[in-house]
N, C-alpha and C. Protein backbone atom coordinates (compact mmCIF):
# COMPACT_ATOMS: atom_id res chain seq x y z
N MET A 1 24.63 14.37 -7.66
CA MET A 1 23.98 13.86 -6.32
C MET A 1 24.29 12.06 -6.66
N PRO A 2 24.84 11.56 -5.53
CA PRO A 2 24.97 10.28 -5.65
C PRO A 2 23.66 9.49 -5.48
N LYS A 3 23.53 8.45 -6.33
CA LYS A 3 22.24 7.90 -6.00
C LYS A 3 22.30 6.78 -5.19
N PHE A 4 21.39 6.16 -4.43
CA PHE A 4 21.37 5.40 -3.36
C PHE A 4 21.90 3.86 -3.98
N ASP A 5 21.11 3.46 -5.13
CA ASP A 5 21.45 2.30 -5.70
C ASP A 5 22.81 2.21 -6.15
N ASP A 6 23.53 3.23 -6.40
CA ASP A 6 24.97 3.11 -6.81
C ASP A 6 25.72 2.93 -5.67
N TYR A 7 25.56 3.44 -4.43
CA TYR A 7 26.39 3.12 -3.24
C TYR A 7 26.02 2.24 -2.16
N SER A 8 24.77 1.88 -2.21
CA SER A 8 24.03 1.23 -1.11
C SER A 8 24.85 -0.15 -0.79
N ARG A 9 25.12 -0.72 -1.95
CA ARG A 9 25.81 -1.91 -1.72
C ARG A 9 27.28 -2.15 -1.85
N SER A 10 27.89 -0.91 -1.75
CA SER A 10 29.38 -0.97 -1.88
C SER A 10 30.28 -0.87 -0.79
N TYR A 11 29.61 -1.04 0.41
CA TYR A 11 30.33 -1.07 1.77
C TYR A 11 30.65 -2.37 2.40
N ARG A 12 31.65 -3.02 2.77
CA ARG A 12 31.82 -3.94 3.42
C ARG A 12 31.48 -3.99 4.99
N PHE A 13 31.40 -2.88 5.69
CA PHE A 13 31.19 -2.61 7.17
C PHE A 13 29.82 -2.00 7.31
N ILE A 14 28.85 -1.71 6.39
CA ILE A 14 28.06 -0.86 6.54
C ILE A 14 26.71 -1.50 5.76
N LYS A 15 25.78 -1.95 6.33
CA LYS A 15 24.61 -2.30 5.65
C LYS A 15 23.63 -0.78 5.58
N LEU A 16 23.17 -0.66 4.27
CA LEU A 16 22.31 0.47 4.17
C LEU A 16 20.98 -0.05 3.82
N GLU A 17 19.97 0.59 4.40
CA GLU A 17 18.60 0.30 4.15
C GLU A 17 17.84 1.61 3.92
N ARG A 18 16.97 2.18 2.99
CA ARG A 18 16.13 3.37 3.09
C ARG A 18 14.92 3.03 2.54
N ARG A 19 13.57 3.50 3.61
CA ARG A 19 12.42 3.69 3.21
C ARG A 19 11.82 5.03 3.34
N ASP A 20 11.24 5.56 2.54
CA ASP A 20 10.56 6.97 2.77
C ASP A 20 11.52 7.92 3.27
N GLY A 21 12.77 7.85 2.76
CA GLY A 21 13.75 8.99 3.39
C GLY A 21 14.53 8.51 4.42
N ILE A 22 14.09 7.60 5.30
CA ILE A 22 14.98 7.29 6.40
C ILE A 22 15.86 6.16 6.14
N LEU A 23 17.16 6.37 6.43
CA LEU A 23 18.19 5.67 5.94
C LEU A 23 18.78 4.96 7.38
N GLN A 24 18.81 3.73 7.48
CA GLN A 24 19.23 3.20 8.47
C GLN A 24 20.82 2.57 7.92
N MET A 25 21.70 2.84 8.82
CA MET A 25 22.95 2.34 8.63
C MET A 25 23.24 1.43 9.76
N THR A 26 23.82 0.40 9.41
CA THR A 26 23.84 -0.89 10.29
C THR A 26 25.38 -1.13 10.11
N LEU A 27 26.19 -0.97 11.25
CA LEU A 27 27.56 -1.11 11.30
C LEU A 27 27.79 -2.43 11.88
N HIS A 28 28.76 -3.20 11.02
CA HIS A 28 28.97 -4.73 11.36
C HIS A 28 30.44 -5.22 10.61
N THR A 29 30.69 -6.25 10.97
CA THR A 29 31.90 -7.02 10.38
C THR A 29 31.30 -8.55 10.26
N ASP A 30 31.29 -8.87 8.87
CA ASP A 30 30.73 -10.02 8.59
C ASP A 30 29.41 -10.38 9.16
N GLY A 31 28.54 -9.59 9.33
CA GLY A 31 27.02 -9.64 9.74
C GLY A 31 27.17 -9.57 11.29
N GLY A 32 28.36 -9.66 11.97
CA GLY A 32 28.11 -9.67 13.58
C GLY A 32 28.70 -8.12 13.95
N PRO A 33 29.16 -8.30 15.40
CA PRO A 33 29.59 -6.95 15.92
C PRO A 33 30.68 -6.36 15.13
N LEU A 34 30.62 -4.90 14.99
CA LEU A 34 31.85 -4.30 14.37
C LEU A 34 33.24 -4.36 14.96
N ARG A 35 34.10 -4.77 14.19
CA ARG A 35 35.50 -4.83 14.55
C ARG A 35 36.37 -3.64 14.14
N TRP A 36 36.54 -2.72 14.94
CA TRP A 36 37.06 -1.24 14.35
C TRP A 36 38.42 -1.50 13.85
N GLY A 37 38.73 -0.75 12.72
CA GLY A 37 40.01 -1.02 12.15
C GLY A 37 39.99 0.11 11.07
N MET A 38 41.47 0.03 10.49
CA MET A 38 41.62 1.13 9.42
C MET A 38 40.77 1.18 8.23
N GLU A 39 40.36 -0.28 7.90
CA GLU A 39 39.52 -0.50 6.72
C GLU A 39 38.34 0.17 7.23
N ALA A 40 37.79 -0.07 8.19
CA ALA A 40 36.26 0.49 8.64
C ALA A 40 36.38 1.82 8.69
N GLN A 41 37.33 2.48 9.32
CA GLN A 41 37.47 3.85 9.34
C GLN A 41 37.33 4.66 8.15
N ALA A 42 38.21 3.94 6.97
CA ALA A 42 38.39 4.74 5.94
C ALA A 42 36.95 4.50 5.06
N GLU A 43 36.32 3.33 5.20
CA GLU A 43 34.96 2.96 4.63
C GLU A 43 34.01 4.36 5.03
N PHE A 44 34.05 4.50 6.35
CA PHE A 44 33.02 5.23 7.16
C PHE A 44 33.09 6.79 6.43
N VAL A 45 34.47 7.09 6.12
CA VAL A 45 34.42 8.47 5.57
C VAL A 45 33.90 8.49 4.21
N ARG A 46 34.12 7.53 3.37
CA ARG A 46 33.48 7.30 2.11
C ARG A 46 31.80 7.35 2.20
N ALA A 47 31.57 6.50 2.87
CA ALA A 47 30.14 6.43 3.38
C ALA A 47 29.34 7.58 3.74
N PHE A 48 29.74 8.28 4.57
CA PHE A 48 29.07 9.57 5.22
C PHE A 48 29.36 10.85 4.11
N ASN A 49 30.36 10.68 3.36
CA ASN A 49 30.60 11.37 2.15
C ASN A 49 29.25 11.37 1.04
N ASP A 50 28.96 10.06 0.82
CA ASP A 50 27.84 9.65 -0.10
C ASP A 50 26.56 9.91 0.34
N VAL A 51 26.49 9.57 1.63
CA VAL A 51 25.07 9.67 2.34
C VAL A 51 24.73 11.23 2.61
N GLY A 52 25.75 11.90 2.79
CA GLY A 52 25.59 13.37 3.25
C GLY A 52 25.14 14.05 1.89
N ALA A 53 25.84 13.63 0.81
CA ALA A 53 25.50 14.09 -0.43
C ALA A 53 24.08 13.84 -1.10
N ASN A 54 23.52 12.90 -0.54
CA ASN A 54 22.29 12.47 -1.22
C ASN A 54 21.23 13.19 -0.56
N ARG A 55 20.57 14.11 -1.02
CA ARG A 55 19.31 14.84 -0.44
C ARG A 55 17.97 13.96 -0.42
N GLU A 56 17.98 12.68 -0.87
CA GLU A 56 16.67 11.85 -0.54
C GLU A 56 16.86 11.24 0.81
N ASN A 57 18.09 11.49 1.41
CA ASN A 57 18.33 10.89 2.67
C ASN A 57 17.81 11.75 3.73
N ARG A 58 16.74 11.71 4.39
CA ARG A 58 16.02 12.68 5.25
C ARG A 58 16.32 12.58 6.69
N LEU A 59 16.47 11.37 7.26
CA LEU A 59 16.94 11.01 8.45
C LEU A 59 17.73 9.58 8.37
N ILE A 60 18.85 9.82 9.32
CA ILE A 60 19.75 8.69 9.46
C ILE A 60 19.53 8.03 10.76
N ILE A 61 19.35 6.66 10.85
CA ILE A 61 19.40 5.83 12.13
C ILE A 61 20.59 5.01 12.06
N LEU A 62 21.85 5.34 12.92
CA LEU A 62 22.87 4.56 13.02
C LEU A 62 22.83 3.56 14.07
N THR A 63 23.01 2.31 13.90
CA THR A 63 22.88 1.26 14.47
C THR A 63 24.08 0.21 14.37
N GLY A 64 24.18 -0.81 15.41
CA GLY A 64 24.98 -1.82 15.12
C GLY A 64 24.32 -3.22 15.03
N THR A 65 24.90 -4.30 15.21
CA THR A 65 24.44 -5.91 15.44
C THR A 65 24.54 -6.21 16.80
N GLU A 66 23.42 -7.11 17.07
CA GLU A 66 23.43 -7.97 18.22
C GLU A 66 23.48 -6.79 19.31
N ASN A 67 24.12 -6.92 20.57
CA ASN A 67 24.17 -6.28 21.82
C ASN A 67 25.39 -5.41 21.97
N GLU A 68 25.97 -5.01 20.66
CA GLU A 68 27.03 -4.25 20.61
C GLU A 68 26.95 -2.74 20.48
N PHE A 69 25.82 -2.15 20.34
CA PHE A 69 25.60 -0.80 19.79
C PHE A 69 24.42 -0.30 20.76
């Protein structure tokens, strides 16, 4: 099982925060609204594999930045 501390800071387009099993995934590009592209798409596949394999993630909130989501 992947550990949160091992993968939580390894994404360029996703900020991960977790408290009491609640994981918030904030989609962004350089801290602003997400600009979709091939790099972001490839990263999402990896991130969802990591998040889904970690049983400590009990609930996921998927959000964006500013008014874009």
